[in-house]
């Protein structure tokens, strides 16, 4: 049975048959640019990424900014929790100098700034770290991006988004097969997120059977051609990577990306 499944998937994935795999740039192109900054996002778009992954948090005065960690310590020349700093305080920080001297002066971007720059050029994979459904919807509607995002986050947030704006593609984490079936029935998502920890047949099968998109992280040691190939053979329709240019080259050589 496993052999027949494998052969069937391989046949379906033969080059030239038109299947396209979405490329998701983890924190932008952050191998050569400071993560979660405009240079990283724009570089990923220039390479041809379909989505840029953006970590979104809320400042003390209610502004949405793009920072992965709960604090600004790791990526800027400042210190403090994002939730306890105002937008002005965060904007005054240097988000590039720790990465490389020639990026000195790079700022932490506002989410709205990213939406304005990306609109019409790529989609956005929102990793909602600390943001309300209403604030996220307001920003997406202002820039007419409601239908050009996928939103990953806590199930409570995804429930609110699905209730308030059904057109938004919410993207819950798979966890396991039982959770996937429950999520499919409750949220009716069009895409499910997978990490290395839940990338197994038990969790994949229900999503594949439901014919929803399957977006998988292939980061760090898993960000290799062998792991990309495995992801595609087992049903992934989108792959989030650090090595954006390399994945695009890999897919294009096989007819799996434009």
Protein backbone atom coordinates (compact mmCIF):
# COMPACT_ATOMS: atom_id res chain seq x y z
CA UNK A 1 0.00 0.00 0.00
CA UNK A 2 2.81 2.40 0.93
CA UNK A 3 4.61 1.54 -2.30
CA UNK A 4 1.48 2.19 -4.38
CA UNK A 5 0.91 5.53 -2.60
CA UNK A 6 4.51 6.57 -3.21
CA UNK A 7 4.36 5.61 -6.87
CA UNK A 8 1.08 7.46 -7.29
CA UNK A 9 2.45 10.62 -5.75
CA UNK A 10 5.62 10.46 -7.82
CA UNK A 11 3.60 10.06 -11.00
CA UNK A 12 1.45 13.05 -10.08
CA UNK A 13 4.59 15.09 -9.54
CA UNK A 14 6.29 14.36 -12.84
CA UNK A 15 7.94 17.55 -14.18
CA UNK A 16 6.00 19.46 -16.77
CA UNK A 17 2.55 18.47 -15.50
CA UNK A 18 1.78 21.96 -14.24
CA UNK A 19 1.79 21.60 -10.45
CA UNK A 20 3.06 24.80 -8.83
CA UNK A 21 4.59 24.90 -5.35
CA UNK A 22 4.28 28.13 -3.35
CA UNK A 23 7.58 29.48 -2.04
CA UNK A 24 7.39 31.19 1.36
CA UNK A 25 10.31 33.36 2.45
CA UNK A 26 10.87 32.90 6.19
CA UNK A 27 11.22 36.40 7.70
CA UNK A 28 12.02 37.60 4.18
CA UNK A 29 15.36 36.79 2.57
CA UNK A 30 17.18 36.93 5.90
CA UNK A 31 20.38 35.07 5.04
CA UNK A 32 21.79 38.19 3.38
CA UNK A 33 19.51 40.83 4.93
CA UNK A 34 18.35 41.58 8.49
CA UNK A 35 15.26 39.52 9.27
CA UNK A 36 11.80 41.06 9.26
CA UNK A 37 12.95 44.29 7.61
CA UNK A 38 12.01 45.92 4.34
CA UNK A 39 15.34 44.98 2.66
CA UNK A 40 14.71 41.31 3.50
CA UNK A 41 11.10 41.41 2.29
CA UNK A 42 11.89 43.22 -0.95
CA UNK A 43 14.83 40.91 -1.70
CA UNK A 44 12.54 37.87 -1.33
CA UNK A 45 10.02 39.40 -3.70
CA UNK A 46 12.75 40.19 -6.24
CA UNK A 47 13.83 36.54 -6.17
CA UNK A 48 10.28 35.45 -6.94
CA UNK A 49 8.86 34.29 -3.59
CA UNK A 50 5.09 33.82 -3.59
CA UNK A 51 4.75 34.79 0.06
CA UNK A 52 6.86 36.62 2.55
CA UNK A 53 6.47 35.46 6.14
CA UNK A 54 5.89 38.39 8.50
CA UNK A 55 5.83 38.16 12.30
CA UNK A 56 3.31 40.68 13.64
CA UNK A 57 3.16 42.15 17.14
CA UNK A 58 1.34 45.06 18.77
CA UNK A 59 3.16 47.96 20.43
CA UNK A 60 2.15 49.63 23.70
CA UNK A 61 0.25 52.29 21.73
CA UNK A 62 -1.57 49.83 19.46
CA UNK A 63 0.59 49.93 16.33
CA UNK A 64 1.35 46.73 14.43
CA UNK A 65 5.05 46.07 13.84
CA UNK A 66 7.10 43.24 12.37
CA UNK A 67 9.27 41.62 15.04
CA UNK A 68 9.70 37.91 15.71
CA UNK A 69 10.69 37.85 19.39
CA UNK A 70 8.63 39.31 22.21
CA UNK A 71 11.51 41.74 22.83
CA UNK A 72 13.60 43.90 20.51
CA UNK A 73 16.86 42.82 22.15
CA UNK A 74 18.04 40.22 19.62
CA UNK A 75 17.64 42.16 16.39
CA UNK A 76 18.02 45.84 17.29
CA UNK A 77 20.33 48.10 19.29
CA UNK A 78 17.61 48.54 21.90
CA UNK A 79 16.08 46.59 24.76
CA UNK A 80 12.57 45.96 25.98
CA UNK A 81 9.35 44.14 25.22
CA UNK A 82 7.52 45.12 22.06
CA UNK A 83 4.25 45.21 23.99
CA UNK A 84 5.72 47.74 26.45
CA UNK A 85 7.36 50.08 23.92
CA UNK A 86 5.60 52.69 21.81
CA UNK A 87 5.84 52.67 18.04
CA UNK A 88 8.00 55.80 18.19
CA UNK A 89 10.41 54.13 20.60
CA UNK A 90 10.68 51.04 18.41
CA UNK A 91 10.98 53.04 15.22
CA UNK A 92 13.94 54.93 16.66
CA UNK A 93 15.91 51.68 17.01
CA UNK A 94 18.39 50.33 14.47
CA UNK A 95 17.26 46.94 13.14
CA UNK A 96 20.18 46.46 10.77
CA UNK A 97 23.42 47.28 12.58
CA UNK A 98 23.64 43.93 14.40
CA UNK A 99 23.37 42.08 11.10
CA UNK A 100 25.97 44.05 9.16
CA UNK A 101 27.41 47.56 9.22
CA UNK A 102 26.08 48.42 5.76
CA UNK A 103 22.52 47.84 7.01
CA UNK A 104 22.90 50.47 9.73
CA UNK A 105 19.85 52.71 9.88
CA UNK A 106 17.38 50.00 8.86
CA UNK A 107 14.18 50.38 10.85
CA UNK A 108 11.64 47.95 12.29
CA UNK A 109 8.80 48.16 9.77
CA UNK A 110 5.20 48.88 10.58
CA UNK A 111 2.90 46.14 9.28
CA UNK A 112 1.07 48.73 7.18
CA UNK A 113 4.38 49.69 5.54
CA UNK A 114 4.89 46.08 4.52
CA UNK A 115 1.36 45.76 3.18
CA UNK A 116 1.81 48.88 1.05
CA UNK A 117 5.11 47.63 -0.40
CA UNK A 118 4.04 44.02 -1.02
CA UNK A 119 0.53 44.62 -2.36
CA UNK A 120 0.25 43.40 -5.94
CA UNK A 121 3.71 41.80 -5.87
CA UNK A 122 3.37 38.83 -3.49
CA UNK A 123 1.20 37.39 -0.77
CA UNK A 124 1.87 37.66 2.95
CA UNK A 125 2.12 34.75 5.35
CA UNK A 126 1.14 36.43 8.62
CA UNK A 127 2.56 34.80 11.74
CA UNK A 128 0.30 36.53 14.25
CA UNK A 129 2.40 36.65 17.40
CA UNK A 130 0.44 39.26 19.37
CA UNK A 131 -2.36 40.99 17.49
CA UNK A 132 -6.14 41.17 17.72
CA UNK A 133 -8.39 39.94 14.95
CA UNK A 134 -9.97 43.37 14.53
CA UNK A 135 -6.65 45.19 14.24
CA UNK A 136 -5.35 42.67 11.73
CA UNK A 137 -8.52 42.87 9.65
CA UNK A 138 -8.45 46.68 9.70
CA UNK A 139 -4.91 46.75 8.31
CA UNK A 140 -5.61 44.13 5.65
CA UNK A 141 -8.78 45.87 4.51
CA UNK A 142 -7.07 49.26 4.33
CA UNK A 143 -4.60 47.83 1.80
CA UNK A 144 -7.08 45.47 0.10
CA UNK A 145 -5.04 42.42 1.11
CA UNK A 146 -7.76 40.31 2.74
CA UNK A 147 -7.60 37.71 -0.04
CA UNK A 148 -3.81 37.82 -0.43
CA UNK A 149 -2.74 36.49 2.95
CA UNK A 150 -2.64 33.33 4.97
CA UNK A 151 -2.77 33.80 8.74
CA UNK A 152 -1.04 31.49 11.19
CA UNK A 153 -1.67 31.90 14.89
CA UNK A 154 -3.51 30.70 17.97
CA UNK A 155 -6.76 28.86 17.28
CA UNK A 156 -8.74 31.47 19.24
CA UNK A 157 -7.49 34.21 16.91
CA UNK A 158 -8.19 32.10 13.84
CA UNK A 159 -11.74 31.46 15.05
CA UNK A 160 -12.29 35.22 15.40
CA UNK A 161 -10.88 35.89 11.94
CA UNK A 162 -12.97 33.16 10.32
CA UNK A 163 -16.11 34.50 12.00
CA UNK A 164 -15.47 38.16 11.17
CA UNK A 165 -14.01 37.75 7.67
CA UNK A 166 -14.58 34.30 6.15
CA UNK A 167 -12.56 35.28 3.05
CA UNK A 168 -9.33 35.35 5.07
CA UNK A 169 -7.41 32.10 4.69
CA UNK A 170 -6.73 31.05 8.26
CA UNK A 171 -3.94 28.49 8.64
CA UNK A 172 -3.96 26.43 11.84
CA UNK A 173 -1.12 24.15 12.92
CA UNK A 174 -1.79 20.48 12.21
CA UNK A 175 -0.41 18.90 15.46
CA UNK A 176 -1.77 15.43 14.60
CA UNK A 177 -4.43 13.68 12.54
CA UNK A 178 -7.17 14.04 15.15
CA UNK A 179 -6.54 17.77 15.48
CA UNK A 180 -6.51 18.21 11.70
CA UNK A 181 -9.92 16.55 11.37
CA UNK A 182 -11.31 18.74 14.15
CA UNK A 183 -9.89 21.89 12.56
CA UNK A 184 -11.27 20.96 9.15
CA UNK A 185 -14.75 20.54 10.63
CA UNK A 186 -14.67 23.65 12.81
CA UNK A 187 -12.71 26.26 10.85
CA UNK A 188 -13.03 24.87 7.34
CA UNK A 189 -9.54 26.16 6.50
CA UNK A 190 -8.21 26.13 2.97
CA UNK A 191 -4.65 25.60 4.19
CA UNK A 192 -3.02 23.73 7.08
CA UNK A 193 0.45 24.51 8.49
CA UNK A 194 3.03 21.84 9.25
CA UNK A 195 6.35 21.89 11.05
CA UNK A 196 8.95 19.15 11.16
CA UNK A 197 7.44 17.82 14.39
CA UNK A 198 4.04 17.00 12.86
CA UNK A 199 5.19 16.08 9.35
CA UNK A 200 3.96 12.48 9.39
CA UNK A 201 1.36 10.46 7.52
CA UNK A 202 -1.13 10.54 10.40
CA UNK A 203 -1.27 14.35 10.27
CA UNK A 204 -0.83 14.77 6.51
CA UNK A 205 -3.46 12.30 5.28
CA UNK A 206 -6.62 14.16 6.45
CA UNK A 207 -5.47 17.41 4.81
CA UNK A 208 -4.52 15.65 1.60
CA UNK A 209 -7.90 13.87 1.53
CA UNK A 210 -9.71 17.18 2.12
CA UNK A 211 -7.73 18.69 -0.80
CA UNK A 212 -6.65 21.73 1.21
CA UNK A 213 -3.27 23.38 0.78
CA UNK A 214 -0.44 22.01 2.88
CA UNK A 215 2.25 24.54 3.84
CA UNK A 216 5.34 23.03 5.44
CA UNK A 217 8.36 24.57 7.18
CA UNK A 218 11.70 23.34 5.88
CA UNK A 219 14.12 25.37 7.98
CA UNK A 220 17.62 24.89 9.37
CA UNK A 221 18.91 21.37 8.78
CA UNK A 222 15.70 20.49 6.90
CA UNK A 223 16.25 23.25 4.32
CA UNK A 224 17.78 20.99 1.66
CA UNK A 225 16.83 19.63 -1.77
CA UNK A 226 16.27 16.16 -0.31
CA UNK A 227 13.80 17.49 2.24
CA UNK A 228 12.09 19.75 -0.33
CA UNK A 229 11.59 16.73 -2.58
CA UNK A 230 10.20 14.67 0.31
CA UNK A 231 7.80 17.49 1.18
CA UNK A 232 6.43 17.68 -2.35
CA UNK A 233 6.14 13.92 -2.77
CA UNK A 234 4.10 13.71 0.44
CA UNK A 235 1.65 16.45 -0.51
CA UNK A 236 3.10 19.85 0.36
CA UNK A 237 1.75 22.63 -1.85
CA UNK A 238 3.85 25.35 -0.21
CA UNK A 239 7.26 25.31 1.49
CA UNK A 240 8.63 27.90 3.91
CA UNK A 241 12.42 28.18 3.74
CA UNK A 242 15.40 30.35 4.58
CA UNK A 243 17.13 29.45 1.29
CA UNK A 244 14.59 31.19 -0.93
CA UNK A 245 16.70 31.50 -4.07
CA UNK A 246 17.89 27.89 -3.90
CA UNK A 247 14.36 26.52 -3.50
CA UNK A 248 13.14 28.60 -6.44
CA UNK A 249 15.98 27.29 -8.61
CA UNK A 250 15.17 23.71 -7.53
CA UNK A 251 11.47 24.08 -8.36
CA UNK A 252 11.95 25.90 -11.65
CA UNK A 253 14.32 23.23 -12.90
CA UNK A 254 11.51 20.72 -12.44
CA UNK A 255 8.65 22.82 -13.79
CA UNK A 256 7.12 23.31 -10.36
CA UNK A 257 7.41 27.11 -10.26
CA UNK A 258 6.94 29.79 -12.86
